[in-house]
Amino acid sequence: MSTLVVLTVLVPVWYRSAVTATDEWAAAVRALVNTGRKPLAASLGLALPQTLAAERDMWTMVSRLSRIPYHERAAALDPYRAEPTTDPV
């Protein structure tokens, strides 16, 4: 019986610890994603838009390409395409 009482009292402490650890992990993952978004866009041949809302729309469209790569909606990414560079051969 005493074990049940002790475990019941510890549940809120464990929950709070899990929430705190998850929050710190989320911040680290968010920082990694923000650091890599420009190189990823460049490697995909895209230019980052000026506004955050437009960038979110662009990444939403990019994420859908894995499900429907040759769908006509893929042309919606055209405004975000970077200007082609000419490499001397």
N, C-alpha and C. Protein backbone atom coordinates (compact mmCIF):
# COMPACT_ATOMS: atom_id res chain seq x y z
N MET A 1 0.82 -1.20 0.00
CA MET A 1 0.00 0.00 0.00
C MET A 1 0.86 1.26 0.00
N SER A 2 1.93 1.25 0.78
CA SER A 2 2.78 2.44 0.84
C SER A 2 3.49 2.67 -0.50
N THR A 3 3.80 1.59 -1.20
CA THR A 3 4.43 1.71 -2.52
C THR A 3 3.49 2.42 -3.48
N LEU A 4 2.22 2.08 -3.45
CA LEU A 4 1.24 2.71 -4.32
C LEU A 4 1.11 4.21 -4.02
N VAL A 5 1.12 4.58 -2.77
CA VAL A 5 1.02 5.98 -2.37
C VAL A 5 2.26 6.76 -2.86
N VAL A 6 3.44 6.18 -2.65
CA VAL A 6 4.68 6.85 -3.06
C VAL A 6 4.71 7.03 -4.58
N LEU A 7 4.33 5.99 -5.32
CA LEU A 7 4.32 6.08 -6.78
C LEU A 7 3.30 7.11 -7.27
N THR A 8 2.15 7.17 -6.63
CA THR A 8 1.13 8.13 -7.00
C THR A 8 1.60 9.56 -6.74
N VAL A 9 2.33 9.76 -5.66
CA VAL A 9 2.86 11.09 -5.36
C VAL A 9 3.95 11.47 -6.36
N LEU A 10 4.71 10.51 -6.84
CA LEU A 10 5.80 10.79 -7.77
C LEU A 10 5.35 11.02 -9.21
N VAL A 11 4.17 10.65 -9.56
CA VAL A 11 3.68 10.80 -10.94
C VAL A 11 3.76 12.26 -11.41
N PRO A 12 3.28 13.24 -10.67
CA PRO A 12 3.41 14.64 -11.14
C PRO A 12 4.87 15.08 -11.31
N VAL A 13 5.75 14.62 -10.46
CA VAL A 13 7.17 14.97 -10.57
C VAL A 13 7.75 14.38 -11.86
N TRP A 14 7.45 13.13 -12.14
CA TRP A 14 7.94 12.49 -13.36
C TRP A 14 7.37 13.17 -14.60
N TYR A 15 6.10 13.53 -14.54
CA TYR A 15 5.47 14.19 -15.67
C TYR A 15 6.14 15.53 -15.94
N ARG A 16 6.37 16.31 -14.91
CA ARG A 16 7.01 17.62 -15.06
C ARG A 16 8.42 17.47 -15.61
N SER A 17 9.14 16.46 -15.16
CA SER A 17 10.49 16.21 -15.67
C SER A 17 10.46 15.84 -17.15
N ALA A 18 9.49 15.04 -17.55
CA ALA A 18 9.37 14.66 -18.95
C ALA A 18 9.03 15.86 -19.82
N VAL A 19 8.15 16.72 -19.36
CA VAL A 19 7.79 17.92 -20.12
C VAL A 19 8.99 18.84 -20.27
N THR A 20 9.74 19.03 -19.20
CA THR A 20 10.93 19.90 -19.25
C THR A 20 11.97 19.34 -20.21
N ALA A 21 12.22 18.05 -20.16
CA ALA A 21 13.21 17.43 -21.06
C ALA A 21 12.76 17.52 -22.51
N THR A 22 11.49 17.32 -22.76
CA THR A 22 10.97 17.39 -24.12
C THR A 22 11.04 18.81 -24.67
N ASP A 23 10.79 19.79 -23.82
CA ASP A 23 10.85 21.19 -24.25
C ASP A 23 12.26 21.57 -24.68
N GLU A 24 13.26 21.15 -23.93
CA GLU A 24 14.65 21.43 -24.29
C GLU A 24 15.03 20.71 -25.58
N TRP A 25 14.59 19.49 -25.74
CA TRP A 25 14.87 18.72 -26.95
C TRP A 25 14.24 19.40 -28.16
N ALA A 26 13.01 19.90 -28.01
CA ALA A 26 12.32 20.57 -29.11
C ALA A 26 13.07 21.82 -29.54
N ALA A 27 13.61 22.57 -28.58
CA ALA A 27 14.37 23.77 -28.92
C ALA A 27 15.63 23.41 -29.70
N ALA A 28 16.30 22.32 -29.32
CA ALA A 28 17.51 21.90 -30.03
C ALA A 28 17.18 21.46 -31.46
N VAL A 29 16.12 20.71 -31.63
CA VAL A 29 15.73 20.26 -32.96
C VAL A 29 15.32 21.45 -33.83
N ARG A 30 14.60 22.40 -33.25
CA ARG A 30 14.18 23.60 -34.00
C ARG A 30 15.41 24.39 -34.46
N ALA A 31 16.42 24.49 -33.61
CA ALA A 31 17.64 25.20 -33.99
C ALA A 31 18.36 24.49 -35.14
N LEU A 32 18.40 23.16 -35.11
CA LEU A 32 19.03 22.41 -36.19
C LEU A 32 18.28 22.61 -37.51
N VAL A 33 16.98 22.60 -37.43
CA VAL A 33 16.18 22.78 -38.65
C VAL A 33 16.39 24.18 -39.21
N ASN A 34 16.38 25.19 -38.34
CA ASN A 34 16.56 26.56 -38.82
C ASN A 34 17.95 26.77 -39.41
N THR A 35 18.95 26.10 -38.88
CA THR A 35 20.31 26.22 -39.41
C THR A 35 20.42 25.61 -40.80
N GLY A 36 19.71 24.53 -41.04
CA GLY A 36 19.85 23.82 -42.30
C GLY A 36 18.87 24.17 -43.39
N ARG A 37 17.95 25.08 -43.14
CA ARG A 37 16.92 25.33 -44.15
C ARG A 37 17.44 26.03 -45.39
N LYS A 38 18.38 26.95 -45.25
CA LYS A 38 18.92 27.64 -46.43
C LYS A 38 19.75 26.70 -47.31
N PRO A 39 20.69 25.90 -46.72
CA PRO A 39 21.41 24.95 -47.58
C PRO A 39 20.50 23.91 -48.23
N LEU A 40 19.47 23.49 -47.51
CA LEU A 40 18.54 22.52 -48.10
C LEU A 40 17.79 23.14 -49.27
N ALA A 41 17.31 24.37 -49.11
CA ALA A 41 16.61 25.03 -50.21
C ALA A 41 17.54 25.19 -51.41
N ALA A 42 18.79 25.58 -51.15
CA ALA A 42 19.74 25.75 -52.27
C ALA A 42 20.00 24.42 -52.96
N SER A 43 20.11 23.34 -52.21
CA SER A 43 20.37 22.04 -52.83
C SER A 43 19.17 21.54 -53.63
N LEU A 44 17.99 22.02 -53.30
CA LEU A 44 16.78 21.67 -54.05
C LEU A 44 16.52 22.62 -55.21
N GLY A 45 17.39 23.63 -55.37
CA GLY A 45 17.22 24.59 -56.45
C GLY A 45 16.16 25.63 -56.15
N LEU A 46 15.94 25.91 -54.86
CA LEU A 46 14.93 26.88 -54.46
C LEU A 46 15.59 28.06 -53.77
N ALA A 47 14.95 29.20 -53.85
CA ALA A 47 15.39 30.40 -53.15
C ALA A 47 14.41 30.67 -52.02
N LEU A 48 14.92 31.02 -50.85
CA LEU A 48 14.03 31.30 -49.73
C LEU A 48 13.27 32.60 -49.98
N PRO A 49 11.95 32.58 -49.78
CA PRO A 49 11.15 33.80 -49.95
C PRO A 49 11.47 34.81 -48.85
N GLN A 50 11.00 36.03 -49.04
CA GLN A 50 11.27 37.10 -48.09
C GLN A 50 10.41 37.01 -46.83
N THR A 51 9.20 36.45 -46.94
CA THR A 51 8.31 36.41 -45.77
C THR A 51 8.24 35.00 -45.20
N LEU A 52 7.99 34.93 -43.91
CA LEU A 52 7.90 33.64 -43.23
C LEU A 52 6.69 32.84 -43.73
N ALA A 53 5.58 33.52 -43.98
CA ALA A 53 4.38 32.83 -44.47
C ALA A 53 4.64 32.19 -45.82
N ALA A 54 5.32 32.91 -46.70
CA ALA A 54 5.64 32.35 -48.01
C ALA A 54 6.62 31.18 -47.88
N GLU A 55 7.55 31.28 -46.95
CA GLU A 55 8.49 30.17 -46.75
C GLU A 55 7.77 28.94 -46.23
N ARG A 56 6.82 29.13 -45.33
CA ARG A 56 6.04 28.00 -44.83
C ARG A 56 5.26 27.34 -45.97
N ASP A 57 4.68 28.15 -46.84
CA ASP A 57 3.96 27.60 -48.00
C ASP A 57 4.92 26.81 -48.89
N MET A 58 6.11 27.35 -49.10
CA MET A 58 7.09 26.67 -49.95
C MET A 58 7.46 25.31 -49.35
N TRP A 59 7.78 25.27 -48.04
CA TRP A 59 8.17 24.01 -47.42
C TRP A 59 7.01 23.02 -47.39
N THR A 60 5.79 23.51 -47.27
CA THR A 60 4.62 22.62 -47.32
C THR A 60 4.54 21.96 -48.69
N MET A 61 4.74 22.74 -49.73
CA MET A 61 4.70 22.18 -51.09
C MET A 61 5.86 21.20 -51.30
N VAL A 62 7.03 21.53 -50.79
CA VAL A 62 8.19 20.64 -50.94
C VAL A 62 7.92 19.31 -50.23
N SER A 63 7.34 19.37 -49.05
CA SER A 63 7.08 18.13 -48.31
C SER A 63 6.06 17.24 -49.01
N ARG A 64 5.18 17.84 -49.79
CA ARG A 64 4.18 17.05 -50.52
C ARG A 64 4.76 16.41 -51.77
N LEU A 65 5.92 16.86 -52.23
CA LEU A 65 6.52 16.28 -53.44
C LEU A 65 6.90 14.82 -53.25
N SER A 66 7.19 14.42 -52.02
CA SER A 66 7.56 13.02 -51.81
C SER A 66 6.37 12.08 -52.03
N ARG A 67 5.16 12.60 -51.85
CA ARG A 67 3.98 11.78 -52.08
C ARG A 67 3.50 11.84 -53.52
N ILE A 68 3.63 13.01 -54.13
CA ILE A 68 3.13 13.20 -55.50
C ILE A 68 4.17 13.96 -56.33
N PRO A 69 5.29 13.34 -56.65
CA PRO A 69 6.38 14.07 -57.30
C PRO A 69 6.06 14.61 -58.68
N TYR A 70 5.20 13.96 -59.44
CA TYR A 70 4.94 14.40 -60.81
C TYR A 70 3.52 14.92 -60.96
N HIS A 71 2.96 15.40 -59.89
CA HIS A 71 1.61 15.94 -59.90
C HIS A 71 1.65 17.36 -60.46
N GLU A 72 0.57 17.80 -61.07
CA GLU A 72 0.56 19.14 -61.66
C GLU A 72 0.71 20.24 -60.61
N ARG A 73 0.40 19.92 -59.34
CA ARG A 73 0.58 20.92 -58.29
C ARG A 73 2.05 21.20 -58.00
N ALA A 74 2.96 20.36 -58.50
CA ALA A 74 4.39 20.61 -58.31
C ALA A 74 4.81 21.89 -59.00
N ALA A 75 4.08 22.32 -60.00
CA ALA A 75 4.39 23.58 -60.69
C ALA A 75 4.17 24.78 -59.78
N ALA A 76 3.47 24.60 -58.66
CA ALA A 76 3.27 25.69 -57.71
C ALA A 76 4.58 26.14 -57.08
N LEU A 77 5.61 25.32 -57.17
CA LEU A 77 6.93 25.69 -56.63
C LEU A 77 7.70 26.60 -57.58
N ASP A 78 7.23 26.81 -58.78
CA ASP A 78 7.95 27.62 -59.76
C ASP A 78 8.34 29.02 -59.26
N PRO A 79 7.47 29.72 -58.52
CA PRO A 79 7.89 31.05 -58.04
C PRO A 79 9.06 31.01 -57.07
N TYR A 80 9.31 29.85 -56.47
CA TYR A 80 10.37 29.73 -55.48
C TYR A 80 11.67 29.19 -56.07
N ARG A 81 11.67 28.84 -57.33
CA ARG A 81 12.87 28.28 -57.94
C ARG A 81 13.95 29.33 -58.06
N ALA A 82 15.17 28.94 -57.76
CA ALA A 82 16.32 29.86 -57.85
C ALA A 82 16.67 30.04 -59.32
N GLU A 83 17.28 31.16 -59.61
CA GLU A 83 17.75 31.40 -60.97
C GLU A 83 18.85 30.41 -61.30
N PRO A 84 18.79 29.78 -62.47
CA PRO A 84 19.83 28.80 -62.81
C PRO A 84 21.18 29.50 -62.99
N THR A 85 22.20 28.81 -62.50
CA THR A 85 23.55 29.34 -62.68
C THR A 85 24.16 28.67 -63.90
N THR A 86 24.94 29.42 -64.62
CA THR A 86 25.60 28.85 -65.79
C THR A 86 27.04 28.51 -65.42
N ASP A 87 27.32 27.25 -65.43
CA ASP A 87 28.67 26.78 -65.14
C ASP A 87 29.41 26.56 -66.45
N PRO A 88 30.58 27.17 -66.60
CA PRO A 88 31.34 26.91 -67.83
C PRO A 88 31.82 25.47 -67.84
N VAL A 89 31.60 24.83 -68.94
CA VAL A 89 31.96 23.41 -69.04
C VAL A 89 33.33 23.22 -69.63
